[in-house]
Amino acid sequence: MPEPAAAVASDPRAVPFVVADGIAKAYGGVQALKGVSLSLYPGEVHGLVGANGAGKSTLIRVLAGLAQPDAGRILYDGRPVAIPTPHAAGALGMNFIHQELAFVPSMSVVQNIMLGLPKKSRLGFIDWRAVAREVAPVAAKVGITAPLFANVKGLSTAENWLINICRALIRRARLIVMDEPTASLSAGEGETLFAIVEELARSGVAILYVSHRLDEVLRLCHRVTAFRDGRSIATIDKPDLTRAALVEAIVGRQVERLVKTTTGPSTGPAVLSVRGLARHPRVKGVGFDLRRGEVLGIGGLVGAGRTELARLIYGADSTDAGSMTLEGRPFAPRSPAAAVKAGLGLVPEERRAEGLLLTKSVAFNLQLANLTRIVHGRALPLINGGRRTSSSLKIVRDLGIKTSSVDTPVGRLSGGNQQKVVIGRWLLGGPKVLILDEPTRGVDVGARGEIHRLIRDLAAEGMAVLVISSEPDELPDLCDRVLVMAEGRIVRELEGEAVSRNAIIEASYAEPVLAGVTS
């Protein structure tokens, strides 16, 4: 089984392995990349940083053969190359480990490691024992302790990361791109990954390390390139790498260290109060008040703990510590059903996977949380077809959902109209608190504006609304207040005129300093 590339010469940066030179890329008329450049050398851990939407993911897609650049070129060992497909990227020795790890839960460890690779066979059948004997040394090298024939279902995120790294090495990886590698890892698992990254670099593999966690970047990387608004702003060498230099490159100016503060006295009645809510390792003692008629934003970077916080409030996950009250009464939902019964609604981040049954009708999806309101009665718990149709038609008209019929399968609707269906579901029940996680992700500009107006209208009618968004441009126009999370904690509260795109980005990257107060 192949080993990693041999150790590089005494000057590992004499010849770059991959160069992205002036790469430009537009999607739907929006310029995601505006001539970015990046060079990667054997044996180097190269950091890539930038705010959400800076262009990091787009460059990765170009390198991986998932998107073709509109301008610029990619050099491989000094020669221009085209990367039309992911297979072509793999043939060049470039491997990509995304935050959403690629593995098949029904397969064994060794089967997942060998996905897409030629395997030894005997009499026309794969000889898995022979394959496992060849895989074993590489698996041991990266620290895989699970039996190779064990099913990967139930393995930890850290163990699945190791499987993906092992797969990359067996493919004779010269470059491994790691996208937010510690976002779902504990501190101990992160330390294991850091040791492996350092060992891979020593063996001559190039690592492109994409992360919002600047402490990790400072620790691991030999050089760091910062993207801002689709441009490569600076590449900083190790001797000049500081947190202040990185933050200045990312946001455009230096950022002061933040002191954690508490929410001041409420000017209106608190509908939902959260105190010291925690679930290891993603949410660490979060507290805030959500007022009637308020749109409260939760900002921060990938991995900050925002979605995990929403799941705790909604009863989808259990808490390790903390308490909540709803309209002054203790609130501790043991399930989403209990949260809905108490008066909460949730529009999830992944609407197609978690919020909709795509083969079912618009009306079916609208009524999912409201079945008790459209039955004939308790004694006859059968759906009243007329009530179902009339209430669904009202929501379709009120929200401007574009569909030929309420009986149309919701999977046929556009992304914006699908999102309106998920939101409309909760309007039928009139929750006291509505939580929206990335409410405009994947929708067009027109639908985005309509959803924003709808959210503001709901607040004007007295609903308490919590909006989670990774887009710093979205929250200032939408929210009365914004709480910025970092590393599982609220690090700053912004209100009124203080809510701005730059303030949210700065708070997301600033180093928290806990002032001994609790939320």
Foldseek 3Di string as FASTA:
>chain_A
DFFAAAFDPPPQVPFFFKKWFQFWDDDPNATLAGTAIDTWTWLFAEEEEAAPSLNPVVVVCQLQLNDPTPDTFMAGRRHTDHRNHNVSSLVSQEAEAEPPGDADQAFFLLCRLQVPHDADDDPPHGPVVVSCVVLVVLLVLLPQPDPRRHGCVPPALLNSVSSSVSSSRVSNHQEYEYAAPCLRPAPVSVVSVLVSLNVSSSRTRIYYYYHLPLVSCLVRGQWYWYGGNNYTQDIGGNVPDDLQVNLCSHQVHGFDFFEFDADDDDPADFQKWWFQWADPPQAGTETDTFHWLFEEEEEAARSLRPLVVVCQQQQVDDTPDIWMDGSRHTDGDNHNLSSVVQFEAECDPPCPVPQFDQQFFLLCSLCVSPQQVQAPHPVGSDGNVVVSQVLSVVLCVVLVQDDPGRRPRNNVGAPLSSLSSSVNSSVVVRGQEYEYEASCPRHDPVSLVSVLVVLSVSSVVTHGYYYYHSQLQPDPVRGQKYFYGGSNYGRDIAGDPRRHSSNNSSSNSHHYDYPPDGD
